[in-house]
């Protein structure tokens, strides 16, 4: 997992087939890459993102292109963005 100011990069292997997954997610706005964290949780990875500008209100979207991805689940609670990557074959 690599956090950039405007994107998240992930590459890893998993599942019974040991399949390789790789994705770059362009973000809606900039994040603080030093304060953002990721946590492996079995079949998914939980990601906590810290906004670069904490003075602005909530984001309208997490990702730049606003598409819906079946492997991406985003929850915003009290301004904290929680993101789960669920890699399925």
PDB file of N, CA and C in Angstrom:
ATOM      1  N   UNK A   1       0.858  -1.167   0.000  1.00  0.00           N
ATOM      2  CA  UNK A   1       0.000   0.000   0.000  1.00  0.00           C
ATOM      3  C   UNK A   1       0.904   1.229   0.000  1.00  0.00           C
ATOM      4  N   UNK A   2       0.643   2.130  -0.925  1.00  0.00           N
ATOM      5  CA  UNK A   2       1.423   3.359  -0.995  1.00  0.00           C
ATOM      6  C   UNK A   2       0.470   4.533  -1.105  1.00  0.00           C
ATOM      7  N   UNK A   3       0.611   5.490  -0.201  1.00  0.00           N
ATOM      8  CA  UNK A   3      -0.224   6.686  -0.204  1.00  0.00           C
ATOM      9  C   UNK A   3       0.531   7.839  -0.846  1.00  0.00           C
ATOM     10  N   UNK A   4      -0.080   8.441  -1.857  1.00  0.00           N
ATOM     11  CA  UNK A   4       0.431   9.659  -2.474  1.00  0.00           C
ATOM     12  C   UNK A   4      -0.546  10.767  -2.116  1.00  0.00           C
ATOM     13  N   UNK A   5      -0.189  12.014  -2.375  1.00  0.00           N
ATOM     14  CA  UNK A   5      -1.088  13.116  -2.001  1.00  0.00           C
ATOM     15  C   UNK A   5      -2.403  13.083  -2.764  1.00  0.00           C
ATOM     16  N   UNK A   6      -2.405  12.500  -3.989  1.00  0.00           N
ATOM     17  CA  UNK A   6      -3.622  12.490  -4.790  1.00  0.00           C
ATOM     18  C   UNK A   6      -4.079  11.101  -5.235  1.00  0.00           C
ATOM     19  N   UNK A   7      -3.474  10.034  -4.673  1.00  0.00           N
ATOM     20  CA  UNK A   7      -3.869   8.678  -5.063  1.00  0.00           C
ATOM     21  C   UNK A   7      -3.402   7.644  -4.030  1.00  0.00           C
ATOM     22  N   UNK A   8      -3.961   6.447  -4.172  1.00  0.00           N
ATOM     23  CA  UNK A   8      -3.561   5.298  -3.363  1.00  0.00           C
ATOM     24  C   UNK A   8      -3.169   4.198  -4.335  1.00  0.00           C
ATOM     25  N   UNK A   9      -2.035   3.546  -4.080  1.00  0.00           N
ATOM     26  CA  UNK A   9      -1.570   2.442  -4.919  1.00  0.00           C
ATOM     27  C   UNK A   9      -1.528   1.185  -4.075  1.00  0.00           C
ATOM     28  N   UNK A  10      -2.060   0.090  -4.641  1.00  0.00           N
ATOM     29  CA  UNK A  10      -2.027  -1.201  -3.954  1.00  0.00           C
ATOM     30  C   UNK A  10      -1.597  -2.279  -4.932  1.00  0.00           C
ATOM     31  N   UNK A  11      -0.734  -3.177  -4.444  1.00  0.00           N
ATOM     32  CA  UNK A  11      -0.370  -4.371  -5.199  1.00  0.00           C
ATOM     33  C   UNK A  11      -0.161  -5.490  -4.199  1.00  0.00           C
ATOM     34  N   UNK A  12      -0.780  -6.640  -4.460  1.00  0.00           N
ATOM     35  CA  UNK A  12      -0.631  -7.775  -3.560  1.00  0.00           C
ATOM     36  C   UNK A  12      -1.185  -9.041  -4.184  1.00  0.00           C
ATOM     37  N   UNK A  13      -0.977 -10.151  -3.506  1.00  0.00           N
ATOM     38  CA  UNK A  13      -1.496 -11.428  -3.963  1.00  0.00           C
ATOM     39  C   UNK A  13      -2.401 -12.006  -2.883  1.00  0.00           C
ATOM     40  N   UNK A  14      -3.356 -12.823  -3.305  1.00  0.00           N
ATOM     41  CA  UNK A  14      -4.250 -13.418  -2.320  1.00  0.00           C
ATOM     42  C   UNK A  14      -5.213 -14.397  -2.939  1.00  0.00           C
ATOM     43  N   UNK A  15      -6.013 -15.021  -2.072  1.00  0.00           N
ATOM     44  CA  UNK A  15      -7.001 -16.003  -2.503  1.00  0.00           C
ATOM     45  C   UNK A  15      -6.383 -17.373  -2.671  1.00  0.00           C
ATOM     46  N   UNK A  16      -7.236 -18.350  -2.924  1.00  0.00           N
ATOM     47  CA  UNK A  16      -6.759 -19.727  -3.076  1.00  0.00           C
ATOM     48  C   UNK A  16      -5.901 -19.893  -4.321  1.00  0.00           C
ATOM     49  N   UNK A  17      -6.107 -19.036  -5.308  1.00  0.00           N
ATOM     50  CA  UNK A  17      -5.321 -19.104  -6.542  1.00  0.00           C
ATOM     51  C   UNK A  17      -4.054 -18.262  -6.474  1.00  0.00           C
ATOM     52  N   UNK A  18      -3.832 -17.565  -5.365  1.00  0.00           N
ATOM     53  CA  UNK A  18      -2.686 -16.671  -5.203  1.00  0.00           C
ATOM     54  C   UNK A  18      -2.618 -15.665  -6.347  1.00  0.00           C
ATOM     55  N   UNK A  19      -3.768 -15.081  -6.668  1.00  0.00           N
ATOM     56  CA  UNK A  19      -3.905 -14.134  -7.769  1.00  0.00           C
ATOM     57  C   UNK A  19      -3.266 -12.797  -7.392  1.00  0.00           C
ATOM     58  N   UNK A  20      -2.650 -12.124  -8.372  1.00  0.00           N
ATOM     59  CA  UNK A  20      -2.050 -10.814  -8.154  1.00  0.00           C
ATOM     60  C   UNK A  20      -3.080  -9.727  -8.448  1.00  0.00           C
ATOM     61  N   UNK A  21      -3.189  -8.776  -7.526  1.00  0.00           N
ATOM     62  CA  UNK A  21      -4.086  -7.632  -7.674  1.00  0.00           C
ATOM     63  C   UNK A  21      -3.244  -6.362  -7.664  1.00  0.00           C
ATOM     64  N   UNK A  22      -3.617  -5.412  -8.520  1.00  0.00           N
ATOM     65  CA  UNK A  22      -2.899  -4.137  -8.572  1.00  0.00           C
ATOM     66  C   UNK A  22      -3.876  -3.050  -8.988  1.00  0.00           C
ATOM     67  N   UNK A  23      -3.886  -1.941  -8.258  1.00  0.00           N
ATOM     68  CA  UNK A  23      -4.799  -0.859  -8.573  1.00  0.00           C
ATOM     69  C   UNK A  23      -4.217   0.468  -8.086  1.00  0.00           C
ATOM     70  N   UNK A  24      -4.439   1.529  -8.857  1.00  0.00           N
ATOM     71  CA  UNK A  24      -4.157   2.896  -8.434  1.00  0.00           C
ATOM     72  C   UNK A  24      -5.495   3.611  -8.391  1.00  0.00           C
ATOM     73  N   UNK A  25      -5.829   4.192  -7.238  1.00  0.00           N
ATOM     74  CA  UNK A  25      -7.105   4.868  -7.046  1.00  0.00           C
ATOM     75  C   UNK A  25      -6.854   6.372  -6.990  1.00  0.00           C
ATOM     76  N   UNK A  26      -7.298   7.115  -8.015  1.00  0.00           N
ATOM     77  CA  UNK A  26      -7.142   8.583  -7.982  1.00  0.00           C
ATOM     78  C   UNK A  26      -8.173   9.180  -7.022  1.00  0.00           C
ATOM     79  N   UNK A  27      -7.726  10.039  -6.121  1.00  0.00           N
ATOM     80  CA  UNK A  27      -8.594  10.593  -5.086  1.00  0.00           C
ATOM     81  C   UNK A  27      -9.224  11.914  -5.497  1.00  0.00           C
ATOM     82  N   UNK A  28     -10.371  12.201  -4.911  1.00  0.00           N
ATOM     83  CA  UNK A  28     -11.135  13.421  -5.190  1.00  0.00           C
ATOM     84  C   UNK A  28     -10.339  14.670  -4.807  1.00  0.00           C
ATOM     85  N   UNK A  29      -9.708  14.644  -3.636  1.00  0.00           N
ATOM     86  CA  UNK A  29      -8.875  15.759  -3.164  1.00  0.00           C
ATOM     87  C   UNK A  29      -7.604  15.193  -2.528  1.00  0.00           C
ATOM     88  N   UNK A  30      -6.709  16.069  -2.131  1.00  0.00           N
ATOM     89  CA  UNK A  30      -5.434  15.633  -1.567  1.00  0.00           C
ATOM     90  C   UNK A  30      -5.586  15.107  -0.148  1.00  0.00           C
ATOM     91  N   UNK A  31      -4.723  14.118   0.171  1.00  0.00           N
ATOM     92  CA  UNK A  31      -4.671  13.552   1.509  1.00  0.00           C
ATOM     93  C   UNK A  31      -3.308  13.828   2.130  1.00  0.00           C
ATOM     94  N   UNK A  32      -3.225  13.649   3.433  1.00  0.00           N
ATOM     95  CA  UNK A  32      -1.951  13.699   4.146  1.00  0.00           C
ATOM     96  C   UNK A  32      -1.425  12.269   4.159  1.00  0.00           C
ATOM     97  N   UNK A  33      -0.479  11.973   3.283  1.00  0.00           N
ATOM     98  CA  UNK A  33       0.013  10.606   3.127  1.00  0.00           C
ATOM     99  C   UNK A  33       0.748  10.092   4.365  1.00  0.00           C
ATOM    100  N   UNK A  34       1.301  10.980   5.168  1.00  0.00           N
ATOM    101  CA  UNK A  34       2.010  10.566   6.388  1.00  0.00           C
ATOM    102  C   UNK A  34       1.052  10.108   7.488  1.00  0.00           C
ATOM    103  N   UNK A  35      -0.154  10.692   7.541  1.00  0.00           N
ATOM    104  CA  UNK A  35      -1.123  10.357   8.581  1.00  0.00           C
ATOM    105  C   UNK A  35      -2.116   9.277   8.159  1.00  0.00           C
ATOM    106  N   UNK A  36      -2.182   8.951   6.882  1.00  0.00           N
ATOM    107  CA  UNK A  36      -3.100   7.922   6.389  1.00  0.00           C
ATOM    108  C   UNK A  36      -2.532   6.538   6.700  1.00  0.00           C
ATOM    109  N   UNK A  37      -3.421   5.583   6.973  1.00  0.00           N
ATOM    110  CA  UNK A  37      -3.000   4.239   7.404  1.00  0.00           C
ATOM    111  C   UNK A  37      -3.827   3.160   6.713  1.00  0.00           C
ATOM    112  N   UNK A  38      -3.264   1.948   6.666  1.00  0.00           N
ATOM    113  CA  UNK A  38      -4.004   0.795   6.153  1.00  0.00           C
ATOM    114  C   UNK A  38      -3.850  -0.371   7.120  1.00  0.00           C
ATOM    115  N   UNK A  39      -4.897  -1.221   7.168  1.00  0.00           N
ATOM    116  CA  UNK A  39      -4.936  -2.358   8.087  1.00  0.00           C
ATOM    117  C   UNK A  39      -5.482  -3.580   7.354  1.00  0.00           C
ATOM    118  N   UNK A  40      -4.665  -4.640   7.169  1.00  0.00           N
ATOM    119  CA  UNK A  40      -5.185  -5.875   6.562  1.00  0.00           C
ATOM    120  C   UNK A  40      -6.226  -6.507   7.483  1.00  0.00           C
ATOM    121  N   UNK A  41      -7.373  -6.917   6.937  1.00  0.00           N
ATOM    122  CA  UNK A  41      -8.468  -7.506   7.714  1.00  0.00           C
ATOM    123  C   UNK A  41      -8.981  -8.769   7.025  1.00  0.00           C
ATOM    124  N   UNK A  42      -8.159  -9.776   6.905  1.00  0.00           N
ATOM    125  CA  UNK A  42      -8.618 -11.020   6.271  1.00  0.00           C
ATOM    126  C   UNK A  42      -8.803 -10.850   4.778  1.00  0.00           C
ATOM    127  N   UNK A  43     -10.077 -10.816   4.325  1.00  0.00           N
ATOM    128  CA  UNK A  43     -10.375 -10.708   2.892  1.00  0.00           C
ATOM    129  C   UNK A  43     -10.436  -9.279   2.389  1.00  0.00           C
ATOM    130  N   UNK A  44     -10.165  -8.302   3.239  1.00  0.00           N
ATOM    131  CA  UNK A  44     -10.182  -6.908   2.792  1.00  0.00           C
ATOM    132  C   UNK A  44      -9.076  -6.122   3.491  1.00  0.00           C
ATOM    133  N   UNK A  45      -8.869  -4.909   3.032  1.00  0.00           N
ATOM    134  CA  UNK A  45      -7.908  -3.997   3.642  1.00  0.00           C
ATOM    135  C   UNK A  45      -8.671  -2.743   4.036  1.00  0.00           C
ATOM    136  N   UNK A  46      -8.619  -2.396   5.309  1.00  0.00           N
ATOM    137  CA  UNK A  46      -9.270  -1.177   5.775  1.00  0.00           C
ATOM    138  C   UNK A  46      -8.272  -0.035   5.676  1.00  0.00           C
ATOM    139  N   UNK A  47      -8.734   1.103   5.138  1.00  0.00           N
ATOM    140  CA  UNK A  47      -7.873   2.256   4.931  1.00  0.00           C
ATOM    141  C   UNK A  47      -8.496   3.466   5.602  1.00  0.00           C
ATOM    142  N   UNK A  48      -7.711   4.165   6.393  1.00  0.00           N
ATOM    143  CA  UNK A  48      -8.145   5.420   7.003  1.00  0.00           C
ATOM    144  C   UNK A  48      -7.354   6.548   6.351  1.00  0.00           C
ATOM    145  N   UNK A  49      -8.063   7.478   5.749  1.00  0.00           N
ATOM    146  CA  UNK A  49      -7.412   8.580   5.049  1.00  0.00           C
ATOM    147  C   UNK A  49      -7.524   9.865   5.856  1.00  0.00           C
ATOM    148  N   UNK A  50      -6.427  10.595   5.927  1.00  0.00           N
ATOM    149  CA  UNK A  50      -6.408  11.910   6.577  1.00  0.00           C
ATOM    150  C   UNK A  50      -6.396  12.976   5.487  1.00  0.00           C
ATOM    151  N   UNK A  51      -7.377  13.860   5.522  1.00  0.00           N
ATOM    152  CA  UNK A  51      -7.434  14.929   4.521  1.00  0.00           C
ATOM    153  C   UNK A  51      -6.260  15.890   4.715  1.00  0.00           C
ATOM    154  N   UNK A  52      -5.721  16.391   3.615  1.00  0.00           N
ATOM    155  CA  UNK A  52      -4.631  17.370   3.687  1.00  0.00           C
ATOM    156  C   UNK A  52      -5.139  18.689   4.255  1.00  0.00           C
ATOM    157  N   UNK A  53      -6.339  19.091   3.833  1.00  0.00           N
ATOM    158  CA  UNK A  53      -6.939  20.334   4.314  1.00  0.00           C
ATOM    159  C   UNK A  53      -8.069  19.975   5.276  1.00  0.00           C
ATOM    160  N   UNK A  54      -7.812  20.034   6.556  1.00  0.00           N
ATOM    161  CA  UNK A  54      -8.808  19.655   7.554  1.00  0.00           C
ATOM    162  C   UNK A  54      -9.868  20.730   7.773  1.00  0.00           C
ATOM    163  N   UNK A  55      -9.692  21.896   7.178  1.00  0.00           N
ATOM    164  CA  UNK A  55     -10.651  22.993   7.337  1.00  0.00           C
ATOM    165  C   UNK A  55     -11.847  22.872   6.395  1.00  0.00           C
ATOM    166  N   UNK A  56     -11.701  22.115   5.315  1.00  0.00           N
ATOM    167  CA  UNK A  56     -12.799  22.015   4.364  1.00  0.00           C
ATOM    168  C   UNK A  56     -13.834  20.988   4.831  1.00  0.00           C
ATOM    169  N   UNK A  57     -15.088  21.127   4.345  1.00  0.00           N
ATOM    170  CA  UNK A  57     -16.150  20.193   4.756  1.00  0.00           C
ATOM    171  C   UNK A  57     -15.923  18.812   4.152  1.00  0.00           C
ATOM    172  N   UNK A  58     -16.881  17.926   4.393  1.00  0.00           N
ATOM    173  CA  UNK A  58     -16.758  16.557   3.881  1.00  0.00           C
ATOM    174  C   UNK A  58     -16.630  16.555   2.364  1.00  0.00           C
ATOM    175  N   UNK A  59     -16.029  15.487   1.856  1.00  0.00           N
ATOM    176  CA  UNK A  59     -15.879  15.348   0.415  1.00  0.00           C
ATOM    177  C   UNK A  59     -17.169  14.805  -0.186  1.00  0.00           C
ATOM    178  N   UNK A  60     -17.498  15.237  -1.382  1.00  0.00           N
ATOM    179  CA  UNK A  60     -18.672  14.715  -2.075  1.00  0.00           C
ATOM    180  C   UNK A  60     -18.441  13.297  -2.579  1.00  0.00           C
ATOM    181  N   UNK A  61     -17.187  12.970  -2.798  1.00  0.00           N
ATOM    182  CA  UNK A  61     -16.812  11.650  -3.294  1.00  0.00           C
ATOM    183  C   UNK A  61     -15.407  11.336  -2.794  1.00  0.00           C
ATOM    184  N   UNK A  62     -15.071  10.078  -2.713  1.00  0.00           N
ATOM    185  CA  UNK A  62     -13.718   9.702  -2.312  1.00  0.00           C
ATOM    186  C   UNK A  62     -12.781   9.654  -3.510  1.00  0.00           C
ATOM    187  N   UNK A  63     -13.290   9.137  -4.610  1.00  0.00           N
ATOM    188  CA  UNK A  63     -12.435   8.992  -5.784  1.00  0.00           C
ATOM    189  C   UNK A  63     -12.773  10.037  -6.842  1.00  0.00           C
ATOM    190  N   UNK A  64     -11.777  10.355  -7.626  1.00  0.00           N
ATOM    191  CA  UNK A  64     -11.878  11.437  -8.602  1.00  0.00           C
ATOM    192  C   UNK A  64     -12.958  11.208  -9.660  1.00  0.00           C
ATOM    193  N   UNK A  65     -13.055   9.981 -10.192  1.00  0.00           N
ATOM    194  CA  UNK A  65     -13.972   9.739 -11.309  1.00  0.00           C
ATOM    195  C   UNK A  65     -15.400   9.389 -10.877  1.00  0.00           C
ATOM    196  N   UNK A  66     -15.656   9.229  -9.600  1.00  0.00           N
ATOM    197  CA  UNK A  66     -16.990   8.998  -9.026  1.00  0.00           C
ATOM    198  C   UNK A  66     -17.668   7.733  -9.528  1.00  0.00           C
ATOM    199  N   UNK A  67     -16.901   6.783 -10.086  1.00  0.00           N
ATOM    200  CA  UNK A  67     -17.460   5.499 -10.502  1.00  0.00           C
ATOM    201  C   UNK A  67     -17.737   4.642  -9.269  1.00  0.00           C
ATOM    202  N   UNK A  68     -18.605   3.662  -9.438  1.00  0.00           N
ATOM    203  CA  UNK A  68     -18.870   2.679  -8.390  1.00  0.00           C
ATOM    204  C   UNK A  68     -18.095   1.411  -8.732  1.00  0.00           C
ATOM    205  N   UNK A  69     -17.260   0.960  -7.816  1.00  0.00           N
ATOM    206  CA  UNK A  69     -16.494  -0.264  -8.012  1.00  0.00           C
ATOM    207  C   UNK A  69     -16.980  -1.317  -7.019  1.00  0.00           C
ATOM    208  N   UNK A  70     -17.178  -2.560  -7.494  1.00  0.00           N
ATOM    209  CA  UNK A  70     -17.687  -3.617  -6.625  1.00  0.00           C
ATOM    210  C   UNK A  70     -16.706  -3.978  -5.509  1.00  0.00           C
ATOM    211  N   UNK A  71     -15.442  -3.697  -5.700  1.00  0.00           N
ATOM    212  CA  UNK A  71     -14.414  -4.062  -4.729  1.00  0.00           C
ATOM    213  C   UNK A  71     -14.053  -2.916  -3.778  1.00  0.00           C
ATOM    214  N   UNK A  72     -14.773  -1.790  -3.887  1.00  0.00           N
ATOM    215  CA  UNK A  72     -14.467  -0.624  -3.064  1.00  0.00           C
ATOM    216  C   UNK A  72     -15.697  -0.220  -2.266  1.00  0.00           C
ATOM    217  N   UNK A  73     -15.562  -0.190  -0.947  1.00  0.00           N
ATOM    218  CA  UNK A  73     -16.642   0.203  -0.050  1.00  0.00           C
ATOM    219  C   UNK A  73     -16.151   1.393   0.771  1.00  0.00           C
ATOM    220  N   UNK A  74     -16.903   2.496   0.737  1.00  0.00           N
ATOM    221  CA  UNK A  74     -16.494   3.719   1.429  1.00  0.00           C
ATOM    222  C   UNK A  74     -17.559   4.111   2.440  1.00  0.00           C
ATOM    223  N   UNK A  75     -17.133   4.415   3.660  1.00  0.00           N
ATOM    224  CA  UNK A  75     -18.032   4.871   4.716  1.00  0.00           C
ATOM    225  C   UNK A  75     -17.445   6.144   5.308  1.00  0.00           C
ATOM    226  N   UNK A  76     -18.275   7.160   5.484  1.00  0.00           N
ATOM    227  CA  UNK A  76     -17.835   8.389   6.130  1.00  0.00           C
ATOM    228  C   UNK A  76     -18.640   8.568   7.418  1.00  0.00           C
ATOM    229  N   UNK A  77     -17.942   8.587   8.552  1.00  0.00           N
ATOM    230  CA  UNK A  77     -18.585   8.773   9.848  1.00  0.00           C
ATOM    231  C   UNK A  77     -17.907   9.936  10.553  1.00  0.00           C
ATOM    232  N   UNK A  78     -18.664  10.977  10.832  1.00  0.00           N
ATOM    233  CA  UNK A  78     -18.134  12.168  11.506  1.00  0.00           C
ATOM    234  C   UNK A  78     -16.883  12.710  10.828  1.00  0.00           C
ATOM    235  N   UNK A  79     -16.888  12.723   9.502  1.00  0.00           N
ATOM    236  CA  UNK A  79     -15.774  13.288   8.749  1.00  0.00           C
ATOM    237  C   UNK A  79     -14.585  12.364   8.555  1.00  0.00           C
ATOM    238  N   UNK A  80     -14.640  11.141   9.088  1.00  0.00           N
ATOM    239  CA  UNK A  80     -13.546  10.182   8.916  1.00  0.00           C
ATOM    240  C   UNK A  80     -13.921   9.240   7.787  1.00  0.00           C
ATOM    241  N   UNK A  81     -13.080   9.177   6.757  1.00  0.00           N
ATOM    242  CA  UNK A  81     -13.339   8.315   5.610  1.00  0.00           C
ATOM    243  C   UNK A  81     -12.735   6.945   5.880  1.00  0.00           C
ATOM    244  N   UNK A  82     -13.569   5.915   5.851  1.00  0.00           N
ATOM    245  CA  UNK A  82     -13.108   4.534   5.971  1.00  0.00           C
ATOM    246  C   UNK A  82     -13.351   3.861   4.634  1.00  0.00           C
ATOM    247  N   UNK A  83     -12.334   3.217   4.137  1.00  0.00           N
ATOM    248  CA  UNK A  83     -12.413   2.597   2.827  1.00  0.00           C
ATOM    249  C   UNK A  83     -11.987   1.150   2.947  1.00  0.00           C
ATOM    250  N   UNK A  84     -12.754   0.230   2.368  1.00  0.00           N
ATOM    251  CA  UNK A  84     -12.408  -1.180   2.344  1.00  0.00           C
ATOM    252  C   UNK A  84     -12.179  -1.622   0.917  1.00  0.00           C
ATOM    253  N   UNK A  85     -11.026  -2.236   0.656  1.00  0.00           N
ATOM    254  CA  UNK A  85     -10.749  -2.865  -0.627  1.00  0.00           C
ATOM    255  C   UNK A  85     -11.017  -4.347  -0.451  1.00  0.00           C
ATOM    256  N   UNK A  86     -11.943  -4.902  -1.211  1.00  0.00           N
ATOM    257  CA  UNK A  86     -12.259  -6.323  -1.148  1.00  0.00           C
ATOM    258  C   UNK A  86     -11.868  -6.921  -2.491  1.00  0.00           C
ATOM    259  N   UNK A  87     -10.787  -7.682  -2.494  1.00  0.00           N
ATOM    260  CA  UNK A  87     -10.286  -8.248  -3.731  1.00  0.00           C
ATOM    261  C   UNK A  87     -10.910  -9.615  -3.962  1.00  0.00           C
ATOM    262  N   UNK A  88     -11.687  -9.718  -5.042  1.00  0.00           N
ATOM    263  CA  UNK A  88     -12.341 -10.970  -5.421  1.00  0.00           C
ATOM    264  C   UNK A  88     -11.917 -11.327  -6.830  1.00  0.00           C
ATOM    265  N   UNK A  89     -11.807 -12.609  -7.092  1.00  0.00           N
ATOM    266  CA  UNK A  89     -11.388 -13.081  -8.420  1.00  0.00           C
ATOM    267  C   UNK A  89     -12.386 -12.928  -9.482  1.00  0.00           C
TER     268      UNK A  89
END
